[in-house]
């Protein structure tokens, strides 16, 4: 996915790299598996299992299923973790 419109109306895009939208998020287990290699080379670090984007305007967090563009969850500041806004 390269473009998505946030609920606040801002167009989010990951076309340019680097950008201020896409976050690289790993679970502890995923990260420790990466670190368990003797030598870490940036090009060998696998992509995360989820795509996570953050809107710079309203700070909503969008979580997409990797490789499917399916929106799995949306979080906004003050949600208390219910993932419904």
PDB file of N, CA and C in Angstrom:
ATOM      1  N   UNK A   1       0.857  -1.175   0.000  1.00  0.00           N
ATOM      2  CA  UNK A   1       0.000   0.000   0.000  1.00  0.00           C
ATOM      3  C   UNK A   1       0.901   1.236   0.000  1.00  0.00           C
ATOM      4  N   UNK A   2       0.558   2.217  -0.778  1.00  0.00           N
ATOM      5  CA  UNK A   2       1.377   3.414  -0.871  1.00  0.00           C
ATOM      6  C   UNK A   2       0.638   4.681  -0.455  1.00  0.00           C
ATOM      7  N   UNK A   3      -0.704   4.683  -0.547  1.00  0.00           N
ATOM      8  CA  UNK A   3      -1.479   5.871  -0.175  1.00  0.00           C
ATOM      9  C   UNK A   3      -2.738   5.448   0.566  1.00  0.00           C
ATOM     10  N   UNK A   4      -3.149   6.302   1.497  1.00  0.00           N
ATOM     11  CA  UNK A   4      -4.333   6.039   2.301  1.00  0.00           C
ATOM     12  C   UNK A   4      -4.789   7.371   2.879  1.00  0.00           C
ATOM     13  N   UNK A   5      -6.104   7.608   2.925  1.00  0.00           N
ATOM     14  CA  UNK A   5      -6.611   8.846   3.506  1.00  0.00           C
ATOM     15  C   UNK A   5      -7.035   8.598   4.946  1.00  0.00           C
ATOM     16  N   UNK A   6      -6.449   9.351   5.849  1.00  0.00           N
ATOM     17  CA  UNK A   6      -6.751   9.253   7.278  1.00  0.00           C
ATOM     18  C   UNK A   6      -8.170   9.772   7.534  1.00  0.00           C
ATOM     19  N   UNK A   7      -8.762   9.369   8.642  1.00  0.00           N
ATOM     20  CA  UNK A   7     -10.092   9.854   9.017  1.00  0.00           C
ATOM     21  C   UNK A   7     -10.115  11.362   9.216  1.00  0.00           C
ATOM     22  N   UNK A   8      -8.965  11.967   9.521  1.00  0.00           N
ATOM     23  CA  UNK A   8      -8.903  13.424   9.694  1.00  0.00           C
ATOM     24  C   UNK A   8      -8.832  14.145   8.352  1.00  0.00           C
ATOM     25  N   UNK A   9      -8.692  13.389   7.240  1.00  0.00           N
ATOM     26  CA  UNK A   9      -8.662  13.972   5.909  1.00  0.00           C
ATOM     27  C   UNK A   9      -7.280  14.088   5.295  1.00  0.00           C
ATOM     28  N   UNK A  10      -6.236  13.861   6.070  1.00  0.00           N
ATOM     29  CA  UNK A  10      -4.877  13.963   5.534  1.00  0.00           C
ATOM     30  C   UNK A  10      -4.544  12.739   4.683  1.00  0.00           C
ATOM     31  N   UNK A  11      -3.955  12.990   3.523  1.00  0.00           N
ATOM     32  CA  UNK A  11      -3.496  11.912   2.657  1.00  0.00           C
ATOM     33  C   UNK A  11      -2.171  11.392   3.207  1.00  0.00           C
ATOM     34  N   UNK A  12      -2.121  10.102   3.527  1.00  0.00           N
ATOM     35  CA  UNK A  12      -0.902   9.473   4.016  1.00  0.00           C
ATOM     36  C   UNK A  12      -0.264   8.722   2.857  1.00  0.00           C
ATOM     37  N   UNK A  13       1.044   8.818   2.740  1.00  0.00           N
ATOM     38  CA  UNK A  13       1.739   8.172   1.637  1.00  0.00           C
ATOM     39  C   UNK A  13       3.094   7.649   2.095  1.00  0.00           C
ATOM     40  N   UNK A  14       3.440   6.463   1.608  1.00  0.00           N
ATOM     41  CA  UNK A  14       4.765   5.901   1.862  1.00  0.00           C
ATOM     42  C   UNK A  14       5.559   5.787   0.565  1.00  0.00           C
ATOM     43  N   UNK A  15       5.157   6.551  -0.440  1.00  0.00           N
ATOM     44  CA  UNK A  15       5.828   6.514  -1.730  1.00  0.00           C
ATOM     45  C   UNK A  15       7.277   6.990  -1.595  1.00  0.00           C
ATOM     46  N   UNK A  16       7.477   8.043  -0.842  1.00  0.00           N
ATOM     47  CA  UNK A  16       8.830   8.569  -0.630  1.00  0.00           C
ATOM     48  C   UNK A  16       9.480   7.854   0.550  1.00  0.00           C
ATOM     49  N   UNK A  17      10.766   7.626   0.479  1.00  0.00           N
ATOM     50  CA  UNK A  17      11.497   7.033   1.598  1.00  0.00           C
ATOM     51  C   UNK A  17      12.752   7.852   1.841  1.00  0.00           C
ATOM     52  N   UNK A  18      12.999   8.267   3.035  1.00  0.00           N
ATOM     53  CA  UNK A  18      12.195   8.033   4.229  1.00  0.00           C
ATOM     54  C   UNK A  18      10.940   8.899   4.244  1.00  0.00           C
ATOM     55  N   UNK A  19      10.011   8.539   5.128  1.00  0.00           N
ATOM     56  CA  UNK A  19       8.791   9.315   5.302  1.00  0.00           C
ATOM     57  C   UNK A  19       8.438   9.352   6.784  1.00  0.00           C
ATOM     58  N   UNK A  20       7.476  10.179   7.151  1.00  0.00           N
ATOM     59  CA  UNK A  20       7.082  10.303   8.563  1.00  0.00           C
ATOM     60  C   UNK A  20       5.789   9.555   8.871  1.00  0.00           C
ATOM     61  N   UNK A  21       5.408   8.617   8.009  1.00  0.00           N
ATOM     62  CA  UNK A  21       4.145   7.891   8.149  1.00  0.00           C
ATOM     63  C   UNK A  21       4.359   6.439   8.574  1.00  0.00           C
ATOM     64  N   UNK A  22       5.244   5.728   7.888  1.00  0.00           N
ATOM     65  CA  UNK A  22       5.406   4.291   8.108  1.00  0.00           C
ATOM     66  C   UNK A  22       6.299   4.014   9.315  1.00  0.00           C
ATOM     67  N   UNK A  23       5.811   3.132  10.201  1.00  0.00           N
ATOM     68  CA  UNK A  23       6.567   2.718  11.379  1.00  0.00           C
ATOM     69  C   UNK A  23       6.982   1.263  11.205  1.00  0.00           C
ATOM     70  N   UNK A  24       8.168   0.930  11.665  1.00  0.00           N
ATOM     71  CA  UNK A  24       8.652  -0.448  11.612  1.00  0.00           C
ATOM     72  C   UNK A  24       8.477  -1.033  13.007  1.00  0.00           C
ATOM     73  N   UNK A  25       7.539  -1.967  13.141  1.00  0.00           N
ATOM     74  CA  UNK A  25       7.167  -2.493  14.450  1.00  0.00           C
ATOM     75  C   UNK A  25       7.375  -4.008  14.463  1.00  0.00           C
ATOM     76  N   UNK A  26       8.124  -4.468  15.459  1.00  0.00           N
ATOM     77  CA  UNK A  26       8.379  -5.893  15.638  1.00  0.00           C
ATOM     78  C   UNK A  26       7.973  -6.302  17.051  1.00  0.00           C
ATOM     79  N   UNK A  27       7.489  -7.529  17.216  1.00  0.00           N
ATOM     80  CA  UNK A  27       7.283  -8.055  18.561  1.00  0.00           C
ATOM     81  C   UNK A  27       8.654  -8.356  19.160  1.00  0.00           C
ATOM     82  N   UNK A  28       8.718  -8.530  20.464  1.00  0.00           N
ATOM     83  CA  UNK A  28       9.981  -8.894  21.098  1.00  0.00           C
ATOM     84  C   UNK A  28      10.532 -10.194  20.514  1.00  0.00           C
ATOM     85  N   UNK A  29       9.659 -11.182  20.327  1.00  0.00           N
ATOM     86  CA  UNK A  29      10.106 -12.463  19.774  1.00  0.00           C
ATOM     87  C   UNK A  29      10.702 -12.298  18.378  1.00  0.00           C
ATOM     88  N   UNK A  30      10.038 -11.493  17.534  1.00  0.00           N
ATOM     89  CA  UNK A  30      10.559 -11.253  16.187  1.00  0.00           C
ATOM     90  C   UNK A  30      11.923 -10.558  16.252  1.00  0.00           C
ATOM     91  N   UNK A  31      12.034  -9.556  17.121  1.00  0.00           N
ATOM     92  CA  UNK A  31      13.279  -8.794  17.200  1.00  0.00           C
ATOM     93  C   UNK A  31      14.422  -9.637  17.748  1.00  0.00           C
ATOM     94  N   UNK A  32      14.146 -10.438  18.778  1.00  0.00           N
ATOM     95  CA  UNK A  32      15.201 -11.298  19.336  1.00  0.00           C
ATOM     96  C   UNK A  32      15.638 -12.351  18.332  1.00  0.00           C
ATOM     97  N   UNK A  33      14.737 -12.830  17.503  1.00  0.00           N
ATOM     98  CA  UNK A  33      15.117 -13.772  16.449  1.00  0.00           C
ATOM     99  C   UNK A  33      16.057 -13.101  15.456  1.00  0.00           C
ATOM    100  N   UNK A  34      15.788 -11.846  15.140  1.00  0.00           N
ATOM    101  CA  UNK A  34      16.668 -11.091  14.234  1.00  0.00           C
ATOM    102  C   UNK A  34      18.038 -10.896  14.879  1.00  0.00           C
ATOM    103  N   UNK A  35      18.039 -10.514  16.168  1.00  0.00           N
ATOM    104  CA  UNK A  35      19.298 -10.261  16.872  1.00  0.00           C
ATOM    105  C   UNK A  35      20.103 -11.521  17.144  1.00  0.00           C
ATOM    106  N   UNK A  36      19.470 -12.686  17.059  1.00  0.00           N
ATOM    107  CA  UNK A  36      20.179 -13.928  17.349  1.00  0.00           C
ATOM    108  C   UNK A  36      21.199 -14.276  16.269  1.00  0.00           C
ATOM    109  N   UNK A  37      21.123 -13.617  15.129  1.00  0.00           N
ATOM    110  CA  UNK A  37      22.128 -13.835  14.083  1.00  0.00           C
ATOM    111  C   UNK A  37      23.459 -13.277  14.556  1.00  0.00           C
ATOM    112  N   UNK A  38      24.533 -13.930  14.170  1.00  0.00           N
ATOM    113  CA  UNK A  38      25.862 -13.492  14.597  1.00  0.00           C
ATOM    114  C   UNK A  38      26.185 -12.096  14.097  1.00  0.00           C
ATOM    115  N   UNK A  39      25.790 -11.817  12.882  1.00  0.00           N
ATOM    116  CA  UNK A  39      26.081 -10.518  12.281  1.00  0.00           C
ATOM    117  C   UNK A  39      24.802  -9.983  11.647  1.00  0.00           C
ATOM    118  N   UNK A  40      24.469  -8.746  11.966  1.00  0.00           N
ATOM    119  CA  UNK A  40      23.239  -8.159  11.426  1.00  0.00           C
ATOM    120  C   UNK A  40      23.601  -7.203  10.303  1.00  0.00           C
ATOM    121  N   UNK A  41      23.086  -7.484   9.140  1.00  0.00           N
ATOM    122  CA  UNK A  41      23.253  -6.597   8.006  1.00  0.00           C
ATOM    123  C   UNK A  41      21.879  -6.040   7.672  1.00  0.00           C
ATOM    124  N   UNK A  42      21.803  -4.738   7.461  1.00  0.00           N
ATOM    125  CA  UNK A  42      20.515  -4.071   7.275  1.00  0.00           C
ATOM    126  C   UNK A  42      19.669  -4.729   6.192  1.00  0.00           C
ATOM    127  N   UNK A  43      20.256  -5.150   5.117  1.00  0.00           N
ATOM    128  CA  UNK A  43      19.491  -5.726   4.017  1.00  0.00           C
ATOM    129  C   UNK A  43      18.945  -7.114   4.351  1.00  0.00           C
ATOM    130  N   UNK A  44      19.433  -7.734   5.440  1.00  0.00           N
ATOM    131  CA  UNK A  44      18.936  -9.044   5.847  1.00  0.00           C
ATOM    132  C   UNK A  44      17.813  -8.967   6.881  1.00  0.00           C
ATOM    133  N   UNK A  45      17.535  -7.785   7.412  1.00  0.00           N
ATOM    134  CA  UNK A  45      16.462  -7.647   8.397  1.00  0.00           C
ATOM    135  C   UNK A  45      15.127  -7.806   7.679  1.00  0.00           C
ATOM    136  N   UNK A  46      14.303  -8.762   8.091  1.00  0.00           N
ATOM    137  CA  UNK A  46      13.035  -8.995   7.399  1.00  0.00           C
ATOM    138  C   UNK A  46      12.032  -7.869   7.651  1.00  0.00           C
ATOM    139  N   UNK A  47      11.099  -7.731   6.742  1.00  0.00           N
ATOM    140  CA  UNK A  47      10.033  -6.765   6.934  1.00  0.00           C
ATOM    141  C   UNK A  47       9.152  -7.229   8.095  1.00  0.00           C
ATOM    142  N   UNK A  48       8.559  -6.290   8.825  1.00  0.00           N
ATOM    143  CA  UNK A  48       7.652  -6.672   9.917  1.00  0.00           C
ATOM    144  C   UNK A  48       6.433  -7.429   9.385  1.00  0.00           C
ATOM    145  N   UNK A  49       5.747  -8.135  10.265  1.00  0.00           N
ATOM    146  CA  UNK A  49       4.564  -8.911   9.870  1.00  0.00           C
ATOM    147  C   UNK A  49       3.338  -8.038   9.645  1.00  0.00           C
ATOM    148  N   UNK A  50       3.349  -6.815  10.161  1.00  0.00           N
ATOM    149  CA  UNK A  50       2.245  -5.877   9.980  1.00  0.00           C
ATOM    150  C   UNK A  50       2.786  -4.562   9.429  1.00  0.00           C
ATOM    151  N   UNK A  51       1.959  -3.864   8.654  1.00  0.00           N
ATOM    152  CA  UNK A  51       2.297  -2.505   8.234  1.00  0.00           C
ATOM    153  C   UNK A  51       1.625  -1.554   9.212  1.00  0.00           C
ATOM    154  N   UNK A  52       2.404  -0.646   9.790  1.00  0.00           N
ATOM    155  CA  UNK A  52       1.866   0.299  10.767  1.00  0.00           C
ATOM    156  C   UNK A  52       2.162   1.715  10.278  1.00  0.00           C
ATOM    157  N   UNK A  53       1.101   2.507  10.171  1.00  0.00           N
ATOM    158  CA  UNK A  53       1.227   3.900   9.720  1.00  0.00           C
ATOM    159  C   UNK A  53       0.709   4.819  10.811  1.00  0.00           C
ATOM    160  N   UNK A  54       1.342   5.980  10.942  1.00  0.00           N
ATOM    161  CA  UNK A  54       0.913   6.989  11.918  1.00  0.00           C
ATOM    162  C   UNK A  54       0.666   8.307  11.200  1.00  0.00           C
ATOM    163  N   UNK A  55      -0.522   8.875  11.411  1.00  0.00           N
ATOM    164  CA  UNK A  55      -0.851  10.162  10.800  1.00  0.00           C
ATOM    165  C   UNK A  55      -0.117  11.277  11.546  1.00  0.00           C
ATOM    166  N   UNK A  56       0.671  12.087  10.848  1.00  0.00           N
ATOM    167  CA  UNK A  56       1.391  13.179  11.501  1.00  0.00           C
ATOM    168  C   UNK A  56       0.459  14.282  12.033  1.00  0.00           C
ATOM    169  N   UNK A  57      -0.753  14.370  11.493  1.00  0.00           N
ATOM    170  CA  UNK A  57      -1.679  15.427  11.916  1.00  0.00           C
ATOM    171  C   UNK A  57      -2.433  15.029  13.195  1.00  0.00           C
ATOM    172  N   UNK A  58      -3.164  13.932  13.168  1.00  0.00           N
ATOM    173  CA  UNK A  58      -4.021  13.569  14.308  1.00  0.00           C
ATOM    174  C   UNK A  58      -3.437  12.452  15.171  1.00  0.00           C
ATOM    175  N   UNK A  59      -2.355  11.840  14.721  1.00  0.00           N
ATOM    176  CA  UNK A  59      -1.633  10.775  15.415  1.00  0.00           C
ATOM    177  C   UNK A  59      -2.388   9.450  15.499  1.00  0.00           C
ATOM    178  N   UNK A  60      -3.405   9.250  14.647  1.00  0.00           N
ATOM    179  CA  UNK A  60      -4.040   7.946  14.579  1.00  0.00           C
ATOM    180  C   UNK A  60      -3.018   6.929  14.082  1.00  0.00           C
ATOM    181  N   UNK A  61      -3.153   5.714  14.568  1.00  0.00           N
ATOM    182  CA  UNK A  61      -2.299   4.608  14.154  1.00  0.00           C
ATOM    183  C   UNK A  61      -3.158   3.628  13.352  1.00  0.00           C
ATOM    184  N   UNK A  62      -2.709   3.302  12.158  1.00  0.00           N
ATOM    185  CA  UNK A  62      -3.396   2.347  11.295  1.00  0.00           C
ATOM    186  C   UNK A  62      -2.541   1.089  11.179  1.00  0.00           C
ATOM    187  N   UNK A  63      -3.147  -0.065  11.406  1.00  0.00           N
ATOM    188  CA  UNK A  63      -2.442  -1.340  11.324  1.00  0.00           C
ATOM    189  C   UNK A  63      -3.056  -2.144  10.183  1.00  0.00           C
ATOM    190  N   UNK A  64      -2.225  -2.491   9.203  1.00  0.00           N
ATOM    191  CA  UNK A  64      -2.653  -3.233   8.022  1.00  0.00           C
ATOM    192  C   UNK A  64      -2.042  -4.628   8.046  1.00  0.00           C
ATOM    193  N   UNK A  65      -2.778  -5.607   7.528  1.00  0.00           N
ATOM    194  CA  UNK A  65      -2.218  -6.940   7.339  1.00  0.00           C
ATOM    195  C   UNK A  65      -1.160  -6.860   6.244  1.00  0.00           C
ATOM    196  N   UNK A  66      -0.031  -7.459   6.478  1.00  0.00           N
ATOM    197  CA  UNK A  66       1.069  -7.433   5.512  1.00  0.00           C
ATOM    198  C   UNK A  66       0.639  -8.067   4.192  1.00  0.00           C
ATOM    199  N   UNK A  67       0.961  -7.401   3.106  1.00  0.00           N
ATOM    200  CA  UNK A  67       0.743  -7.886   1.738  1.00  0.00           C
ATOM    201  C   UNK A  67      -0.721  -7.989   1.314  1.00  0.00           C
ATOM    202  N   UNK A  68      -1.671  -7.533   2.143  1.00  0.00           N
ATOM    203  CA  UNK A  68      -3.065  -7.645   1.727  1.00  0.00           C
ATOM    204  C   UNK A  68      -3.774  -6.290   1.702  1.00  0.00           C
ATOM    205  N   UNK A  69      -3.186  -5.280   2.286  1.00  0.00           N
ATOM    206  CA  UNK A  69      -3.791  -3.948   2.400  1.00  0.00           C
ATOM    207  C   UNK A  69      -5.081  -3.959   3.207  1.00  0.00           C
ATOM    208  N   UNK A  70      -5.341  -5.028   3.941  1.00  0.00           N
ATOM    209  CA  UNK A  70      -6.532  -5.112   4.786  1.00  0.00           C
ATOM    210  C   UNK A  70      -6.294  -4.336   6.080  1.00  0.00           C
ATOM    211  N   UNK A  71      -7.157  -3.353   6.356  1.00  0.00           N
ATOM    212  CA  UNK A  71      -7.052  -2.564   7.573  1.00  0.00           C
ATOM    213  C   UNK A  71      -7.522  -3.411   8.744  1.00  0.00           C
ATOM    214  N   UNK A  72      -6.600  -3.741   9.651  1.00  0.00           N
ATOM    215  CA  UNK A  72      -6.912  -4.625  10.769  1.00  0.00           C
ATOM    216  C   UNK A  72      -7.368  -3.854  12.007  1.00  0.00           C
ATOM    217  N   UNK A  73      -6.745  -2.690  12.276  1.00  0.00           N
ATOM    218  CA  UNK A  73      -7.059  -1.907  13.470  1.00  0.00           C
ATOM    219  C   UNK A  73      -6.759  -0.438  13.234  1.00  0.00           C
ATOM    220  N   UNK A  74      -7.490   0.404  13.981  1.00  0.00           N
ATOM    221  CA  UNK A  74      -7.227   1.840  13.999  1.00  0.00           C
ATOM    222  C   UNK A  74      -7.197   2.277  15.455  1.00  0.00           C
ATOM    223  N   UNK A  75      -6.167   3.029  15.825  1.00  0.00           N
ATOM    224  CA  UNK A  75      -6.056   3.565  17.179  1.00  0.00           C
ATOM    225  C   UNK A  75      -5.912   5.074  17.079  1.00  0.00           C
ATOM    226  N   UNK A  76      -6.485   5.785  18.020  1.00  0.00           N
ATOM    227  CA  UNK A  76      -6.272   7.222  18.077  1.00  0.00           C
ATOM    228  C   UNK A  76      -5.909   7.600  19.503  1.00  0.00           C
ATOM    229  N   UNK A  77      -5.203   8.711  19.682  1.00  0.00           N
ATOM    230  CA  UNK A  77      -4.827   9.116  21.038  1.00  0.00           C
ATOM    231  C   UNK A  77      -6.063   9.209  21.929  1.00  0.00           C
ATOM    232  N   UNK A  78      -5.955   8.671  23.122  1.00  0.00           N
ATOM    233  CA  UNK A  78      -7.058   8.717  24.075  1.00  0.00           C
ATOM    234  C   UNK A  78      -8.024   7.566  23.960  1.00  0.00           C
ATOM    235  N   UNK A  79      -7.763   6.578  23.078  1.00  0.00           N
ATOM    236  CA  UNK A  79      -8.651   5.434  22.877  1.00  0.00           C
ATOM    237  C   UNK A  79      -8.673   4.450  24.048  1.00  0.00           C
ATOM    238  N   UNK A  80      -7.653   4.447  24.847  1.00  0.00           N
ATOM    239  CA  UNK A  80      -7.503   3.445  25.906  1.00  0.00           C
ATOM    240  C   UNK A  80      -7.440   2.041  25.313  1.00  0.00           C
ATOM    241  N   UNK A  81      -6.954   1.952  24.060  1.00  0.00           N
ATOM    242  CA  UNK A  81      -6.674   0.658  23.444  1.00  0.00           C
ATOM    243  C   UNK A  81      -7.857  -0.101  22.876  1.00  0.00           C
ATOM    244  N   UNK A  82      -8.997   0.551  22.633  1.00  0.00           N
ATOM    245  CA  UNK A  82     -10.128  -0.223  22.112  1.00  0.00           C
ATOM    246  C   UNK A  82     -10.065  -0.449  20.610  1.00  0.00           C
ATOM    247  N   UNK A  83      -9.221   0.289  19.868  1.00  0.00           N
ATOM    248  CA  UNK A  83      -9.012   0.035  18.446  1.00  0.00           C
ATOM    249  C   UNK A  83     -10.222   0.228  17.569  1.00  0.00           C
ATOM    250  N   UNK A  84     -11.148   1.107  17.944  1.00  0.00           N
ATOM    251  CA  UNK A  84     -12.382   1.255  17.168  1.00  0.00           C
ATOM    252  C   UNK A  84     -12.581   2.637  16.551  1.00  0.00           C
ATOM    253  N   UNK A  85     -11.627   3.513  16.622  1.00  0.00           N
ATOM    254  CA  UNK A  85     -11.843   4.858  16.096  1.00  0.00           C
ATOM    255  C   UNK A  85     -10.946   5.114  14.933  1.00  0.00           C
TER     256      UNK A  85
END
